Amino acid sequence: MIEGQSRQVQWFACVRMELHPENPPPYDVQLGRLGADYGVRTDAPARETPQNTCRYFNEIGFNVCEPILNTWQAYGLNFDGSPGFSDAEHIALFGLPLTSVYEPSGPIP
């Protein structure tokens, strides 16, 4: 549960992205309010295997899939002034994924 509502979420080192299907794109994926340290979570799923249509991070063991992947790829910290963003620039803004996409079974601390 996120603020009293059931939501799909994916954690990254710096943010939590939430799916808000009631909103039209690009407002359907939003950054969550973190308020608490991720380390206190106990229901996060285990590492996963690569999925063909997702961006897999071998070093972490998690995929980033649509529609969160689209938002993750659209933004970053522009280090070199070039158009678009590299993986390093996405990671600098959002961090690496800390979970697969899942719907929490209880409140987010």
Protein backbone atom coordinates (compact mmCIF):
# COMPACT_ATOMS: atom_id res chain seq x y z
CA MET A 1 0.00 0.00 0.00
CA ILE A 2 1.22 3.46 -0.91
CA GLU A 3 -0.48 6.21 1.05
CA GLY A 4 -3.53 3.99 1.50
CA GLN A 5 -3.72 2.85 -2.14
CA SER A 6 -2.58 -0.34 -3.84
CA ARG A 7 0.19 0.57 -6.32
CA GLN A 8 2.85 -1.18 -8.39
CA VAL A 9 6.25 0.22 -7.48
CA GLN A 10 9.91 -0.27 -8.28
CA TRP A 11 12.69 0.85 -5.97
CA PHE A 12 15.95 2.40 -7.22
CA ALA A 13 18.93 3.55 -5.15
CA CYS A 14 17.72 7.18 -5.19
CA VAL A 15 13.95 7.02 -5.81
CA ARG A 16 10.85 4.84 -5.89
CA MET A 17 8.81 4.90 -9.11
CA GLU A 18 5.09 4.26 -8.82
CA LEU A 19 2.57 3.29 -11.47
CA HIS A 20 -0.54 5.50 -11.36
CA PRO A 21 -2.68 3.99 -14.16
CA GLU A 22 -5.50 6.43 -13.41
CA ASN A 23 -3.35 9.22 -14.88
CA PRO A 24 -2.59 9.68 -18.59
CA PRO A 25 1.06 9.42 -19.76
CA PRO A 26 3.49 10.87 -18.89
CA TYR A 27 1.90 11.27 -15.45
CA ASP A 28 1.17 7.55 -15.02
CA VAL A 29 4.69 6.87 -13.67
CA GLN A 30 5.60 9.12 -10.76
CA LEU A 31 8.41 9.35 -8.26
CA GLY A 32 7.37 8.10 -4.84
CA ARG A 33 7.98 9.91 -1.57
CA LEU A 34 10.68 7.88 0.12
CA GLY A 35 10.45 9.20 3.66
CA ALA A 36 11.98 6.03 5.11
CA ASP A 37 15.13 4.06 4.49
CA TYR A 38 14.69 1.17 2.03
CA GLY A 39 16.73 -1.05 4.32
CA VAL A 40 13.77 -1.51 6.66
CA ARG A 41 11.73 -3.27 3.92
CA THR A 42 11.18 -6.96 4.49
CA ASP A 43 8.82 -7.96 1.67
CA ALA A 44 11.06 -7.07 -1.29
CA PRO A 45 11.31 -9.90 -3.84
CA ALA A 46 14.52 -11.81 -4.58
CA ARG A 47 16.74 -11.28 -7.62
CA GLU A 48 15.18 -12.13 -10.98
CA THR A 49 16.30 -13.46 -14.35
CA PRO A 50 16.66 -11.27 -17.46
CA GLN A 51 13.50 -10.59 -19.47
CA ASN A 52 13.82 -9.99 -23.23
CA THR A 53 11.86 -6.74 -23.39
CA CYS A 54 13.39 -5.18 -20.27
CA ARG A 55 16.71 -3.59 -19.29
CA TYR A 56 18.46 -6.08 -17.00
CA PHE A 57 21.14 -5.06 -14.52
CA ASN A 58 23.35 -8.10 -14.00
CA GLU A 59 25.30 -6.47 -11.16
CA ILE A 60 22.06 -6.01 -9.19
CA GLY A 61 19.91 -8.83 -10.60
CA PHE A 62 16.82 -6.83 -11.50
CA ASN A 63 14.99 -5.81 -14.68
CA VAL A 64 13.44 -2.44 -15.44
CA CYS A 65 10.42 -2.96 -17.71
CA GLU A 66 7.74 -0.81 -19.34
CA PRO A 67 6.14 1.50 -18.48
CA ILE A 68 8.75 2.35 -15.81
CA LEU A 69 11.59 1.68 -18.30
CA ASN A 70 10.30 4.40 -20.65
CA THR A 71 10.41 6.98 -17.87
CA TRP A 72 13.79 5.73 -16.60
CA GLN A 73 15.26 6.11 -20.11
CA ALA A 74 13.70 9.55 -20.72
CA TYR A 75 15.57 11.30 -17.90
CA GLY A 76 19.05 11.53 -16.46
CA LEU A 77 21.74 13.95 -15.37
CA ASN A 78 23.28 15.30 -18.56
CA PHE A 79 27.04 15.02 -17.96
CA ASP A 80 28.32 15.69 -21.49
CA GLY A 81 25.75 18.02 -23.06
CA SER A 82 24.88 15.45 -25.75
CA PRO A 83 21.23 14.84 -26.63
CA GLY A 84 19.66 11.90 -24.83
CA PHE A 85 21.01 10.13 -21.77
CA SER A 86 23.47 7.29 -21.22
CA ASP A 87 22.95 4.52 -18.65
CA ALA A 88 25.42 6.35 -16.39
CA GLU A 89 23.28 9.49 -16.62
CA HIS A 90 20.07 7.57 -15.81
CA ILE A 91 21.78 5.87 -12.88
CA ALA A 92 23.11 9.19 -11.59
CA LEU A 93 19.54 10.48 -11.34
CA PHE A 94 17.59 7.39 -10.28
CA GLY A 95 20.19 4.91 -9.06
CA LEU A 96 20.11 1.21 -9.84
CA PRO A 97 16.90 -0.78 -9.31
CA LEU A 98 16.70 -2.35 -5.86
CA THR A 99 13.69 -4.58 -6.62
CA SER A 100 11.67 -5.97 -9.47
CA VAL A 101 8.26 -4.39 -10.07
CA TYR A 102 5.82 -5.60 -7.45
CA GLU A 103 2.76 -4.53 -5.55
CA PRO A 104 3.58 -4.27 -1.83
CA SER A 105 1.43 -6.38 0.45
CA GLY A 106 1.45 -3.85 3.25
CA PRO A 107 2.09 -0.17 3.86
CA ILE A 108 5.37 1.35 2.68
CA PRO A 109 7.20 2.62 5.75
